[in-house]
PDB file of all heavy atoms in Angstrom:
ATOM      1  N   THR A   1     -10.265  -6.798  -9.208  1.00  0.00           N
ATOM      2  CA  THR A   1      -9.194  -7.489  -9.816  1.00  0.00           C
ATOM      3  C   THR A   1      -7.889  -7.480  -8.798  1.00  0.00           C
ATOM      4  O   THR A   1      -7.041  -8.215  -9.076  1.00  0.00           O
ATOM      5  CB  THR A   1      -8.614  -6.821 -11.031  1.00  0.00           C
ATOM      6  OG1 THR A   1      -8.347  -5.317 -10.696  1.00  0.00           O
ATOM      7  CG2 THR A   1      -9.592  -6.734 -12.136  1.00  0.00           C
ATOM      8  N   HIS A   2      -8.145  -6.963  -7.627  1.00  0.00           N
ATOM      9  CA  HIS A   2      -6.977  -7.012  -6.553  1.00  0.00           C
ATOM     10  C   HIS A   2      -7.726  -7.241  -5.217  1.00  0.00           C
ATOM     11  O   HIS A   2      -8.777  -7.039  -5.083  1.00  0.00           O
ATOM     12  CB  HIS A   2      -6.434  -5.650  -6.582  1.00  0.00           C
ATOM     13  CG  HIS A   2      -5.373  -5.444  -7.717  1.00  0.00           C
ATOM     14  ND1 HIS A   2      -5.978  -4.986  -8.923  1.00  0.00           N
ATOM     15  CD2 HIS A   2      -4.162  -5.631  -7.900  1.00  0.00           C
ATOM     16  CE1 HIS A   2      -4.948  -4.923  -9.887  1.00  0.00           C
ATOM     17  NE2 HIS A   2      -3.861  -5.348  -9.277  1.00  0.00           N
ATOM     18  N   THR A   3      -6.885  -7.694  -4.211  1.00  0.00           N
ATOM     19  CA  THR A   3      -7.166  -7.887  -2.958  1.00  0.00           C
ATOM     20  C   THR A   3      -7.604  -6.514  -2.351  1.00  0.00           C
ATOM     21  O   THR A   3      -7.050  -5.465  -2.815  1.00  0.00           O
ATOM     22  CB  THR A   3      -6.127  -8.492  -2.110  1.00  0.00           C
ATOM     23  OG1 THR A   3      -5.033  -7.686  -2.026  1.00  0.00           O
ATOM     24  CG2 THR A   3      -5.611  -9.835  -2.569  1.00  0.00           C
ATOM     25  N   VAL A   4      -8.334  -6.483  -1.300  1.00  0.00           N
ATOM     26  CA  VAL A   4      -8.695  -5.172  -0.669  1.00  0.00           C
ATOM     27  C   VAL A   4      -7.481  -4.653  -0.115  1.00  0.00           C
ATOM     28  O   VAL A   4      -7.337  -3.347  -0.223  1.00  0.00           O
ATOM     29  CB  VAL A   4      -9.754  -5.518   0.551  1.00  0.00           C
ATOM     30  CG1 VAL A   4      -9.921  -4.325   1.273  1.00  0.00           C
ATOM     31  CG2 VAL A   4     -11.052  -5.978   0.016  1.00  0.00           C
ATOM     32  N   THR A   5      -6.461  -5.311   0.388  1.00  0.00           N
ATOM     33  CA  THR A   5      -5.362  -4.788   1.150  1.00  0.00           C
ATOM     34  C   THR A   5      -4.412  -4.100   0.056  1.00  0.00           C
ATOM     35  O   THR A   5      -3.473  -3.549   0.500  1.00  0.00           O
ATOM     36  CB  THR A   5      -4.722  -5.724   2.071  1.00  0.00           C
ATOM     37  OG1 THR A   5      -4.419  -7.005   1.206  1.00  0.00           O
ATOM     38  CG2 THR A   5      -5.551  -6.045   3.124  1.00  0.00           C
ATOM     39  N   TRP A   6      -4.647  -4.462  -1.170  1.00  0.00           N
ATOM     40  CA  TRP A   6      -3.673  -3.920  -2.334  1.00  0.00           C
ATOM     41  C   TRP A   6      -3.897  -2.404  -2.373  1.00  0.00           C
ATOM     42  O   TRP A   6      -2.951  -1.707  -2.917  1.00  0.00           O
ATOM     43  CB  TRP A   6      -4.039  -4.616  -3.615  1.00  0.00           C
ATOM     44  CG  TRP A   6      -3.201  -4.113  -4.757  1.00  0.00           C
ATOM     45  CD1 TRP A   6      -1.916  -4.391  -5.004  1.00  0.00           C
ATOM     46  CD2 TRP A   6      -3.649  -3.174  -5.768  1.00  0.00           C
ATOM     47  NE1 TRP A   6      -1.391  -3.627  -6.247  1.00  0.00           N
ATOM     48  CE2 TRP A   6      -2.598  -2.890  -6.661  1.00  0.00           C
ATOM     49  CE3 TRP A   6      -4.827  -2.396  -5.997  1.00  0.00           C
ATOM     50  CZ2 TRP A   6      -2.623  -2.101  -7.761  1.00  0.00           C
ATOM     51  CZ3 TRP A   6      -4.928  -1.611  -7.016  1.00  0.00           C
ATOM     52  CH2 TRP A   6      -3.885  -1.436  -7.943  1.00  0.00           C
ATOM     53  N   ALA A   7      -4.881  -1.896  -1.809  1.00  0.00           N
ATOM     54  CA  ALA A   7      -5.142  -0.344  -1.955  1.00  0.00           C
ATOM     55  C   ALA A   7      -3.981   0.497  -1.363  1.00  0.00           C
ATOM     56  O   ALA A   7      -3.726   1.418  -1.836  1.00  0.00           O
ATOM     57  CB  ALA A   7      -6.461  -0.045  -1.337  1.00  0.00           C
ATOM     58  N   ALA A   8      -3.421  -0.107  -0.396  1.00  0.00           N
ATOM     59  CA  ALA A   8      -2.348   0.581   0.195  1.00  0.00           C
ATOM     60  C   ALA A   8      -1.021   0.661  -0.653  1.00  0.00           C
ATOM     61  O   ALA A   8      -0.359   1.695  -0.798  1.00  0.00           O
ATOM     62  CB  ALA A   8      -1.759   0.016   1.640  1.00  0.00           C
ATOM     63  N   HIS A   9      -0.741  -0.372  -1.403  1.00  0.00           N
ATOM     64  CA  HIS A   9       0.290  -0.317  -2.329  1.00  0.00           C
ATOM     65  C   HIS A   9      -0.006   0.633  -3.498  1.00  0.00           C
ATOM     66  O   HIS A   9       0.916   1.316  -3.958  1.00  0.00           O
ATOM     67  CB  HIS A   9       0.546  -1.779  -2.931  1.00  0.00           C
ATOM     68  CG  HIS A   9       1.153  -2.774  -2.008  1.00  0.00           C
ATOM     69  ND1 HIS A   9       2.414  -3.146  -1.886  1.00  0.00           N
ATOM     70  CD2 HIS A   9       0.545  -3.426  -0.896  1.00  0.00           C
ATOM     71  CE1 HIS A   9       2.579  -3.927  -0.887  1.00  0.00           C
ATOM     72  NE2 HIS A   9       1.511  -4.205  -0.379  1.00  0.00           N
ATOM     73  N   ARG A  10      -1.147   0.719  -3.974  1.00  0.00           N
ATOM     74  CA  ARG A  10      -1.521   1.498  -5.023  1.00  0.00           C
ATOM     75  C   ARG A  10      -1.447   3.030  -4.589  1.00  0.00           C
ATOM     76  O   ARG A  10      -0.795   3.797  -5.305  1.00  0.00           O
ATOM     77  CB  ARG A  10      -2.932   1.355  -5.557  1.00  0.00           C
ATOM     78  CG  ARG A  10      -3.525   2.122  -6.652  1.00  0.00           C
ATOM     79  CD  ARG A  10      -4.873   1.869  -7.025  1.00  0.00           C
ATOM     80  NE  ARG A  10      -5.755   2.151  -5.943  1.00  0.00           N
ATOM     81  CZ  ARG A  10      -7.061   1.714  -5.945  1.00  0.00           C
ATOM     82  NH1 ARG A  10      -7.464   0.897  -6.899  1.00  0.00           N
ATOM     83  NH2 ARG A  10      -7.794   2.044  -4.946  1.00  0.00           N
ATOM     84  N   LEU A  11      -1.893   3.368  -3.417  1.00  0.00           N
ATOM     85  CA  LEU A  11      -1.654   4.707  -2.884  1.00  0.00           C
ATOM     86  C   LEU A  11      -0.261   5.192  -2.748  1.00  0.00           C
ATOM     87  O   LEU A  11       0.178   6.245  -3.215  1.00  0.00           O
ATOM     88  CB  LEU A  11      -2.362   4.851  -1.482  1.00  0.00           C
ATOM     89  CG  LEU A  11      -2.261   6.238  -0.923  1.00  0.00           C
ATOM     90  CD1 LEU A  11      -2.895   7.244  -1.753  1.00  0.00           C
ATOM     91  CD2 LEU A  11      -2.788   6.249   0.525  1.00  0.00           C
ATOM     92  N   VAL A  12       0.585   4.191  -2.253  1.00  0.00           N
ATOM     93  CA  VAL A  12       2.075   4.603  -2.081  1.00  0.00           C
ATOM     94  C   VAL A  12       2.699   4.784  -3.398  1.00  0.00           C
ATOM     95  O   VAL A  12       3.550   5.659  -3.776  1.00  0.00           O
ATOM     96  CB  VAL A  12       2.687   3.507  -1.266  1.00  0.00           C
ATOM     97  CG1 VAL A  12       4.236   3.746  -1.212  1.00  0.00           C
ATOM     98  CG2 VAL A  12       2.273   3.560   0.145  1.00  0.00           C
ATOM     99  N   GLN A  13       2.291   3.879  -4.456  1.00  0.00           N
ATOM    100  CA  GLN A  13       2.954   4.044  -5.762  1.00  0.00           C
ATOM    101  C   GLN A  13       2.509   5.249  -6.396  1.00  0.00           C
ATOM    102  O   GLN A  13       3.344   5.835  -7.102  1.00  0.00           O
ATOM    103  CB  GLN A  13       2.494   2.812  -6.547  1.00  0.00           C
ATOM    104  CG  GLN A  13       3.189   2.658  -7.979  1.00  0.00           C
ATOM    105  CD  GLN A  13       2.949   1.373  -8.662  1.00  0.00           C
ATOM    106  OE1 GLN A  13       1.875   0.835  -8.396  1.00  0.00           O
ATOM    107  NE2 GLN A  13       3.831   0.855  -9.425  1.00  0.00           N
ATOM    108  N   GLU A  14       1.269   5.735  -6.266  1.00  0.00           N
ATOM    109  CA  GLU A  14       0.832   7.060  -6.833  1.00  0.00           C
ATOM    110  C   GLU A  14       1.426   8.173  -6.045  1.00  0.00           C
ATOM    111  O   GLU A  14       1.755   9.080  -6.733  1.00  0.00           O
ATOM    112  CB  GLU A  14      -0.739   7.025  -6.641  1.00  0.00           C
ATOM    113  CG  GLU A  14      -1.446   6.176  -7.529  1.00  0.00           C
ATOM    114  CD  GLU A  14      -2.916   6.150  -7.352  1.00  0.00           C
ATOM    115  OE1 GLU A  14      -3.302   6.783  -6.405  1.00  0.00           O
ATOM    116  OE2 GLU A  14      -3.657   5.463  -8.132  1.00  0.00           O
ATOM    117  N   CYS A  15       1.651   8.194  -4.861  1.00  0.00           N
ATOM    118  CA  CYS A  15       2.186   9.277  -3.920  1.00  0.00           C
ATOM    119  C   CYS A  15       3.752   9.410  -4.065  1.00  0.00           C
ATOM    120  O   CYS A  15       4.187  10.484  -3.894  1.00  0.00           O
ATOM    121  CB  CYS A  15       1.666   9.205  -2.577  1.00  0.00           C
ATOM    122  SG  CYS A  15      -0.057   9.403  -2.314  1.00  0.00           S
ATOM    123  N   MET A  16       4.368   8.187  -3.994  1.00  0.00           N
ATOM    124  CA  MET A  16       5.797   8.242  -3.924  1.00  0.00           C
ATOM    125  C   MET A  16       6.476   7.462  -5.022  1.00  0.00           C
ATOM    126  O   MET A  16       7.117   6.457  -4.754  1.00  0.00           O
ATOM    127  CB  MET A  16       6.121   7.791  -2.561  1.00  0.00           C
ATOM    128  CG  MET A  16       5.298   8.366  -1.345  1.00  0.00           C
ATOM    129  SD  MET A  16       5.609   7.482   0.156  1.00  0.00           S
ATOM    130  CE  MET A  16       4.035   8.043   0.928  1.00  0.00           C
ATOM    131  N   PRO A  17       6.247   7.658  -6.344  1.00  0.00           N
ATOM    132  CA  PRO A  17       6.739   6.829  -7.372  1.00  0.00           C
ATOM    133  C   PRO A  17       8.155   6.627  -7.426  1.00  0.00           C
ATOM    134  O   PRO A  17       8.693   5.646  -7.862  1.00  0.00           O
ATOM    135  CB  PRO A  17       6.170   7.439  -8.636  1.00  0.00           C
ATOM    136  CG  PRO A  17       5.908   9.002  -8.245  1.00  0.00           C
ATOM    137  CD  PRO A  17       5.455   8.841  -6.845  1.00  0.00           C
ATOM    138  N   SER A  18       9.064   7.754  -7.048  1.00  0.00           N
ATOM    139  CA  SER A  18      10.205   7.754  -7.207  1.00  0.00           C
ATOM    140  C   SER A  18      11.004   6.658  -6.087  1.00  0.00           C
ATOM    141  O   SER A  18      12.142   6.245  -6.459  1.00  0.00           O
ATOM    142  CB  SER A  18      10.993   9.132  -6.864  1.00  0.00           C
ATOM    143  OG  SER A  18      10.636  10.030  -7.779  1.00  0.00           O
ATOM    144  N   CYS A  19      10.387   6.519  -5.035  1.00  0.00           N
ATOM    145  CA  CYS A  19      11.104   5.546  -4.124  1.00  0.00           C
ATOM    146  C   CYS A  19      10.151   4.323  -3.709  1.00  0.00           C
ATOM    147  O   CYS A  19      10.524   3.548  -2.852  1.00  0.00           O
ATOM    148  CB  CYS A  19      11.347   6.301  -2.811  1.00  0.00           C
ATOM    149  SG  CYS A  19       9.923   7.094  -1.975  1.00  0.00           S
ATOM    150  N   TYR A  20       9.073   4.116  -4.551  1.00  0.00           N
ATOM    151  CA  TYR A  20       8.166   3.132  -4.228  1.00  0.00           C
ATOM    152  C   TYR A  20       8.845   1.688  -4.090  1.00  0.00           C
ATOM    153  O   TYR A  20       8.579   0.998  -3.237  1.00  0.00           O
ATOM    154  CB  TYR A  20       7.196   3.067  -5.370  1.00  0.00           C
ATOM    155  CG  TYR A  20       6.203   1.870  -5.303  1.00  0.00           C
ATOM    156  CD1 TYR A  20       5.254   1.526  -4.316  1.00  0.00           C
ATOM    157  CD2 TYR A  20       6.375   0.857  -6.234  1.00  0.00           C
ATOM    158  CE1 TYR A  20       4.406   0.606  -4.241  1.00  0.00           C
ATOM    159  CE2 TYR A  20       5.474  -0.370  -6.180  1.00  0.00           C
ATOM    160  CZ  TYR A  20       4.523  -0.386  -5.242  1.00  0.00           C
ATOM    161  OH  TYR A  20       3.686  -1.577  -5.092  1.00  0.00           O
ATOM    162  N   TYR A  21       9.819   1.388  -5.005  1.00  0.00           N
ATOM    163  CA  TYR A  21      10.507   0.071  -5.000  1.00  0.00           C
ATOM    164  C   TYR A  21      11.580   0.030  -3.893  1.00  0.00           C
ATOM    165  O   TYR A  21      12.151  -1.089  -3.737  1.00  0.00           O
ATOM    166  CB  TYR A  21      11.106  -0.227  -6.314  1.00  0.00           C
ATOM    167  CG  TYR A  21       9.941  -0.391  -7.395  1.00  0.00           C
ATOM    168  CD1 TYR A  21       9.710   0.585  -8.307  1.00  0.00           C
ATOM    169  CD2 TYR A  21       9.244  -1.513  -7.443  1.00  0.00           C
ATOM    170  CE1 TYR A  21       8.692   0.411  -9.209  1.00  0.00           C
ATOM    171  CE2 TYR A  21       8.244  -1.760  -8.294  1.00  0.00           C
ATOM    172  CZ  TYR A  21       7.911  -0.703  -9.240  1.00  0.00           C
ATOM    173  OH  TYR A  21       6.938  -0.884 -10.158  1.00  0.00           O
ATOM    174  N   ASP A  22      11.784   1.073  -3.120  1.00  0.00           N
ATOM    175  CA  ASP A  22      12.756   1.119  -2.080  1.00  0.00           C
ATOM    176  C   ASP A  22      12.042   0.924  -0.766  1.00  0.00           C
ATOM    177  O   ASP A  22      12.638   0.723   0.288  1.00  0.00           O
ATOM    178  CB  ASP A  22      13.591   2.413  -2.030  1.00  0.00           C
ATOM    179  CG  ASP A  22      14.456   2.575  -3.194  1.00  0.00           C
ATOM    180  OD1 ASP A  22      15.171   1.633  -3.576  1.00  0.00           O
ATOM    181  OD2 ASP A  22      14.362   3.673  -3.892  1.00  0.00           O
ATOM    182  N   LEU A  23      10.702   0.706  -0.812  1.00  0.00           N
ATOM    183  CA  LEU A  23      10.055   0.652   0.391  1.00  0.00           C
ATOM    184  C   LEU A  23       9.181  -0.671   0.704  1.00  0.00           C
ATOM    185  O   LEU A  23       8.797  -1.252  -0.354  1.00  0.00           O
ATOM    186  CB  LEU A  23       8.836   1.779   0.473  1.00  0.00           C
ATOM    187  CG  LEU A  23       9.286   3.317   0.349  1.00  0.00           C
ATOM    188  CD1 LEU A  23       8.149   4.133   0.098  1.00  0.00           C
ATOM    189  CD2 LEU A  23      10.005   3.664   1.709  1.00  0.00           C
ATOM    190  N   ASP A  24       9.124  -1.018   1.894  1.00  0.00           N
ATOM    191  CA  ASP A  24       8.311  -2.162   2.352  1.00  0.00           C
ATOM    192  C   ASP A  24       6.953  -1.585   2.817  1.00  0.00           C
ATOM    193  O   ASP A  24       6.931  -0.570   3.705  1.00  0.00           O
ATOM    194  CB  ASP A  24       8.973  -2.950   3.409  1.00  0.00           C
ATOM    195  CG  ASP A  24       9.725  -4.150   2.928  1.00  0.00           C
ATOM    196  OD1 ASP A  24       9.438  -4.630   1.786  1.00  0.00           O
ATOM    197  OD2 ASP A  24      10.637  -4.557   3.631  1.00  0.00           O
ATOM    198  N   ILE A  25       5.863  -2.000   2.242  1.00  0.00           N
ATOM    199  CA  ILE A  25       4.452  -1.576   2.694  1.00  0.00           C
ATOM    200  C   ILE A  25       3.833  -2.746   3.487  1.00  0.00           C
ATOM    201  O   ILE A  25       3.522  -3.819   3.060  1.00  0.00           O
ATOM    202  CB  ILE A  25       3.563  -1.252   1.508  1.00  0.00           C
ATOM    203  CG1 ILE A  25       4.404  -0.199   0.642  1.00  0.00           C
ATOM    204  CG2 ILE A  25       2.261  -0.807   1.867  1.00  0.00           C
ATOM    205  CD1 ILE A  25       3.733  -0.057  -0.846  1.00  0.00           C
ATOM    206  N   ASN A  26       3.822  -2.374   4.862  1.00  0.00           N
ATOM    207  CA  ASN A  26       3.472  -3.485   5.831  1.00  0.00           C
ATOM    208  C   ASN A  26       2.000  -3.135   6.275  1.00  0.00           C
ATOM    209  O   ASN A  26       1.751  -2.232   6.946  1.00  0.00           O
ATOM    210  CB  ASN A  26       4.339  -3.327   7.045  1.00  0.00           C
ATOM    211  CG  ASN A  26       5.811  -3.577   6.564  1.00  0.00           C
ATOM    212  OD1 ASN A  26       6.242  -4.502   6.060  1.00  0.00           O
ATOM    213  ND2 ASN A  26       6.520  -2.406   6.813  1.00  0.00           N
ATOM    214  N   THR A  27       1.043  -4.075   5.872  1.00  0.00           N
ATOM    215  CA  THR A  27      -0.306  -3.937   6.331  1.00  0.00           C
ATOM    216  C   THR A  27      -0.344  -4.775   7.672  1.00  0.00           C
ATOM    217  O   THR A  27      -0.308  -5.985   7.639  1.00  0.00           O
ATOM    218  CB  THR A  27      -1.269  -4.499   5.251  1.00  0.00           C
ATOM    219  OG1 THR A  27      -1.240  -3.819   4.104  1.00  0.00           O
ATOM    220  CG2 THR A  27      -2.708  -4.470   5.837  1.00  0.00           C
ATOM    221  N   HIS A  28      -0.604  -4.079   8.806  1.00  0.00           N
ATOM    222  CA  HIS A  28      -0.482  -4.733  10.089  1.00  0.00           C
ATOM    223  C   HIS A  28      -1.851  -5.335  10.515  1.00  0.00           C
ATOM    224  O   HIS A  28      -1.922  -6.321  11.168  1.00  0.00           O
ATOM    225  CB  HIS A  28      -0.136  -3.728  11.235  1.00  0.00           C
ATOM    226  CG  HIS A  28       1.284  -3.157  10.953  1.00  0.00           C
ATOM    227  ND1 HIS A  28       2.329  -3.867  11.325  1.00  0.00           N
ATOM    228  CD2 HIS A  28       1.728  -1.997  10.326  1.00  0.00           C
ATOM    229  CE1 HIS A  28       3.444  -3.225  10.934  1.00  0.00           C
ATOM    230  NE2 HIS A  28       3.185  -2.131  10.470  1.00  0.00           N
ATOM    231  N   GLY A  29      -2.997  -4.728  10.043  1.00  0.00           N
ATOM    232  CA  GLY A  29      -4.424  -5.269  10.341  1.00  0.00           C
ATOM    233  C   GLY A  29      -5.367  -4.020  10.463  1.00  0.00           C
ATOM    234  O   GLY A  29      -5.124  -2.961  10.064  1.00  0.00           O
ATOM    235  N   LEU A  30      -6.415  -4.348  11.034  1.00  0.00           N
ATOM    236  CA  LEU A  30      -7.569  -3.406  11.073  1.00  0.00           C
ATOM    237  C   LEU A  30      -7.750  -2.779  12.446  1.00  0.00           C
ATOM    238  O   LEU A  30      -7.617  -3.503  13.428  1.00  0.00           O
ATOM    239  CB  LEU A  30      -8.838  -4.269  10.649  1.00  0.00           C
ATOM    240  CG  LEU A  30      -8.901  -4.918   9.324  1.00  0.00           C
ATOM    241  CD1 LEU A  30     -10.340  -5.516   9.059  1.00  0.00           C
ATOM    242  CD2 LEU A  30      -8.548  -3.752   8.230  1.00  0.00           C
ATOM    243  N   LEU A  31      -8.193  -1.522  12.378  1.00  0.00           N
ATOM    244  CA  LEU A  31      -8.426  -0.774  13.548  1.00  0.00           C
ATOM    245  C   LEU A  31      -9.936  -0.569  13.726  1.00  0.00           C
ATOM    246  O   LEU A  31     -10.448  -0.388  14.755  1.00  0.00           O
ATOM    247  CB  LEU A  31      -7.836   0.539  13.642  1.00  0.00           C
ATOM    248  CG  LEU A  31      -6.294   0.688  13.381  1.00  0.00           C
ATOM    249  CD1 LEU A  31      -5.832   2.031  13.308  1.00  0.00           C
ATOM    250  CD2 LEU A  31      -5.631   0.123  14.704  1.00  0.00           C
ATOM    251  N   GLY A  32     -10.622  -0.916  12.663  1.00  0.00           N
ATOM    252  CA  GLY A  32     -12.085  -0.839  12.754  1.00  0.00           C
ATOM    253  C   GLY A  32     -12.704  -1.302  11.476  1.00  0.00           C
ATOM    254  O   GLY A  32     -12.049  -1.318  10.432  1.00  0.00           O
ATOM    255  N   VAL A  33     -13.988  -1.564  11.417  1.00  0.00           N
ATOM    256  CA  VAL A  33     -14.880  -2.007  10.301  1.00  0.00           C
ATOM    257  C   VAL A  33     -16.095  -1.194  10.378  1.00  0.00           C
ATOM    258  O   VAL A  33     -16.848  -1.210  11.358  1.00  0.00           O
ATOM    259  CB  VAL A  33     -15.039  -3.515  10.218  1.00  0.00           C
ATOM    260  CG1 VAL A  33     -15.989  -3.789   9.109  1.00  0.00           C
ATOM    261  CG2 VAL A  33     -13.859  -4.260  10.306  1.00  0.00           C
TER     262      VAL A  33
END
């Protein structure tokens, strides 16, 4: 139901719920496949 890169947003929201909306989550690209 989500893009592959959405996983980073989900992890930050779970780990840092108190400040999640104060953060920019920047996916720069891939280091490997």
